[in-house]
Protein backbone atom coordinates (compact mmCIF):
# COMPACT_ATOMS: atom_id res chain seq x y z
CA UNK A 1 -106.55 92.78 -39.12
CA UNK A 2 -109.08 91.44 -36.85
CA UNK A 3 -108.13 88.98 -33.93
CA UNK A 4 -109.92 86.20 -35.70
CA UNK A 5 -108.20 86.90 -39.02
CA UNK A 6 -105.11 86.84 -37.19
CA UNK A 7 -105.76 83.57 -35.42
CA UNK A 8 -106.98 81.95 -38.66
CA UNK A 9 -103.74 82.77 -40.43
CA UNK A 10 -101.55 81.68 -37.56
CA UNK A 11 -103.41 78.37 -37.36
CA UNK A 12 -102.79 77.95 -41.22
CA UNK A 13 -99.18 78.79 -40.86
CA UNK A 14 -98.84 76.42 -37.87
CA UNK A 15 -100.44 73.56 -39.91
CA UNK A 16 -98.47 74.20 -43.06
CA UNK A 17 -94.97 74.87 -41.44
CA UNK A 18 -95.12 72.91 -38.07
CA UNK A 19 -91.93 71.02 -39.29
CA UNK A 20 -89.93 74.32 -38.98
CA UNK A 21 -91.06 74.52 -35.26
CA UNK A 22 -90.10 70.97 -34.32
CA UNK A 23 -86.73 71.13 -36.29
CA UNK A 24 -85.56 74.27 -34.43
CA UNK A 25 -86.87 73.28 -31.12
CA UNK A 26 -85.09 69.97 -31.37
CA UNK A 27 -81.84 71.53 -32.31
CA UNK A 28 -82.03 74.02 -29.27
CA UNK A 29 -83.16 71.57 -26.61
CA UNK A 30 -83.31 67.87 -25.79
CA UNK A 31 -85.43 67.85 -22.83
CA UNK A 32 -88.96 67.47 -23.20
CA UNK A 33 -90.27 70.24 -21.06
CA UNK A 34 -87.70 72.73 -22.37
CA UNK A 35 -88.91 71.74 -25.77
CA UNK A 36 -92.63 72.45 -24.84
CA UNK A 37 -91.48 75.86 -23.31
CA UNK A 38 -89.69 76.74 -26.40
CA UNK A 39 -92.48 75.62 -28.66
CA UNK A 40 -95.00 78.01 -26.58
CA UNK A 41 -92.42 81.20 -26.85
CA UNK A 42 -92.02 80.64 -30.42
CA UNK A 43 -95.67 79.95 -31.20
CA UNK A 44 -96.63 83.15 -29.24
CA UNK A 45 -93.88 85.09 -31.02
CA UNK A 46 -95.20 83.89 -34.56
CA UNK A 47 -99.01 84.67 -33.60
CA UNK A 48 -97.69 88.14 -32.48
CA UNK A 49 -96.02 88.61 -35.66
CA UNK A 50 -98.80 87.72 -38.14
CA UNK A 51 -100.25 91.33 -38.46
CA UNK A 52 -96.50 92.68 -39.38
CA UNK A 53 -96.01 90.36 -41.98
CA UNK A 54 -95.36 92.10 -45.25
CA UNK A 55 -95.27 89.45 -47.91
CA UNK A 56 -91.73 90.40 -48.75
CA UNK A 57 -90.35 86.97 -48.28
CA UNK A 58 -91.79 83.48 -48.08
CA UNK A 59 -93.93 82.63 -44.92
CA UNK A 60 -91.38 79.88 -44.28
CA UNK A 61 -88.39 82.37 -44.23
CA UNK A 62 -90.47 84.56 -41.83
CA UNK A 63 -91.24 81.74 -39.43
CA UNK A 64 -87.61 80.44 -39.55
CA UNK A 65 -86.25 83.93 -38.68
CA UNK A 66 -89.02 84.36 -35.73
CA UNK A 67 -88.16 80.75 -34.50
CA UNK A 68 -84.43 81.08 -34.64
CA UNK A 69 -84.21 84.39 -33.10
CA UNK A 70 -86.62 83.24 -30.47
CA UNK A 71 -84.50 79.97 -29.86
CA UNK A 72 -81.16 81.65 -29.55
CA UNK A 73 -82.62 84.16 -26.98
CA UNK A 74 -84.13 81.32 -25.02
CA UNK A 75 -80.72 79.43 -25.36
CA UNK A 76 -79.02 82.25 -24.04
CA UNK A 77 -81.31 82.83 -21.26
CA UNK A 78 -81.52 79.41 -19.99
CA UNK A 79 -77.72 78.45 -20.47
CA UNK A 80 -78.84 74.82 -19.79
CA UNK A 81 -78.32 73.64 -23.24
CA UNK A 82 -74.57 73.86 -23.29
CA UNK A 83 -74.24 71.50 -20.41
CA UNK A 84 -76.58 68.76 -21.86
CA UNK A 85 -76.07 66.03 -24.26
CA UNK A 86 -78.92 65.19 -27.01
CA UNK A 87 -81.48 62.99 -25.07
CA UNK A 88 -82.39 60.35 -27.51
CA UNK A 89 -85.87 59.88 -25.89
CA UNK A 90 -86.65 63.51 -26.05
CA UNK A 91 -86.13 63.54 -29.63
CA UNK A 92 -88.42 60.53 -30.21
CA UNK A 93 -91.31 62.45 -28.42
CA UNK A 94 -91.72 64.83 -31.14
CA UNK A 95 -91.58 62.36 -33.78
CA UNK A 96 -94.85 61.35 -35.20
CA UNK A 97 -95.91 57.96 -34.07
CA UNK A 98 -95.80 56.23 -37.53
CA UNK A 99 -92.19 57.39 -38.28
CA UNK A 100 -89.32 55.63 -36.47
CA UNK A 101 -86.17 57.52 -36.72
CA UNK A 102 -83.21 55.56 -37.85
CA UNK A 103 -79.79 55.87 -35.85
CA UNK A 104 -78.24 58.01 -38.48
CA UNK A 105 -81.00 60.70 -37.92
CA UNK A 106 -80.76 60.47 -34.20
CA UNK A 107 -76.93 60.86 -34.59
CA UNK A 108 -77.40 63.83 -36.93
CA UNK A 109 -79.79 65.70 -34.42
CA UNK A 110 -77.18 64.93 -31.63
CA UNK A 111 -74.50 66.54 -33.87
CA UNK A 112 -76.76 69.54 -34.83
CA UNK A 113 -77.59 70.05 -31.00
CA UNK A 114 -73.82 70.38 -30.27
CA UNK A 115 -73.03 73.15 -32.63
CA UNK A 116 -73.18 76.72 -31.79
CA UNK A 117 -76.07 78.84 -32.67
CA UNK A 118 -75.23 80.15 -35.84
CA UNK A 119 -73.83 77.01 -37.19
CA UNK A 120 -77.00 75.32 -35.88
CA UNK A 121 -79.20 77.73 -37.77
CA UNK A 122 -77.19 77.37 -40.83
CA UNK A 123 -77.43 73.53 -40.74
CA UNK A 124 -81.22 73.43 -40.26
CA UNK A 125 -81.81 76.09 -43.15
CA UNK A 126 -79.53 74.07 -45.45
CA UNK A 127 -81.42 70.72 -44.60
CA UNK A 128 -84.58 72.37 -45.55
CA UNK A 129 -83.08 73.69 -49.03
CA UNK A 130 -82.74 77.61 -48.37
CA UNK A 131 -79.99 79.15 -50.87
CA UNK A 132 -77.13 80.75 -49.35
CA UNK A 133 -78.76 84.12 -50.00
CA UNK A 134 -81.76 83.10 -48.08
CA UNK A 135 -79.70 81.88 -45.28
CA UNK A 136 -77.76 85.04 -45.13
CA UNK A 137 -80.64 87.05 -45.01
CA UNK A 138 -82.37 85.03 -42.10
CA UNK A 139 -79.19 84.62 -39.98
CA UNK A 140 -77.78 88.09 -40.66
CA UNK A 141 -74.30 87.42 -42.26
CA UNK A 142 -72.92 87.76 -45.54
CA UNK A 143 -73.57 85.22 -48.25
CA UNK A 144 -69.91 84.35 -48.72
CA UNK A 145 -69.67 83.65 -44.93
CA UNK A 146 -72.82 81.16 -45.29
CA UNK A 147 -70.54 79.41 -47.53
CA UNK A 148 -67.36 79.37 -45.46
CA UNK A 149 -69.43 78.15 -42.46
CA UNK A 150 -71.57 75.47 -44.36
CA UNK A 151 -68.13 73.91 -45.74
CA UNK A 152 -66.78 73.96 -42.14
CA UNK A 153 -69.94 72.34 -40.84
CA UNK A 154 -69.73 69.70 -43.64
CA UNK A 155 -66.11 68.99 -42.68
CA UNK A 156 -66.62 68.87 -39.03
CA UNK A 157 -69.80 66.25 -39.39
CA UNK A 158 -67.67 64.27 -41.94
CA UNK A 159 -65.11 64.12 -39.25
CA UNK A 160 -67.54 63.14 -36.68
CA UNK A 161 -69.16 60.34 -38.66
CA UNK A 162 -65.84 58.62 -39.05
CA UNK A 163 -65.68 58.54 -35.40
CA UNK A 164 -68.88 56.65 -35.03
């Protein structure tokens, strides 16, 4: 694969799946500068992975796997994220100008931000409509355990919403 072909594929993937990038980034950081750094790291990893993509899964699954792995490594490396609350203004920065997120969406991002890495990843994948089997493959846990964790996440979010 030539570098030109790699660049073309990367740009297409970025255009078609930019929502994945932003969902993962928002979930792992609430600070604009950190979000920009994480975006760069994920983008570089996706670009480097283009030649190794074997078409044995959906491109979105492949990108999620790369983005989540990179975000988890980034999170462990920085350790800042555990100490911060979600910053609503930083979340708004990544919203398209024509969209104004409602309070429920901001609340949901804040709640997702506070989950541990695996739960956060599962929550994002669930919101994007992935099956338990696909989630298990991406995150690296059993399909049954995905179900258990999803039920716990739902219960936790339900309890948190009652305190709103």
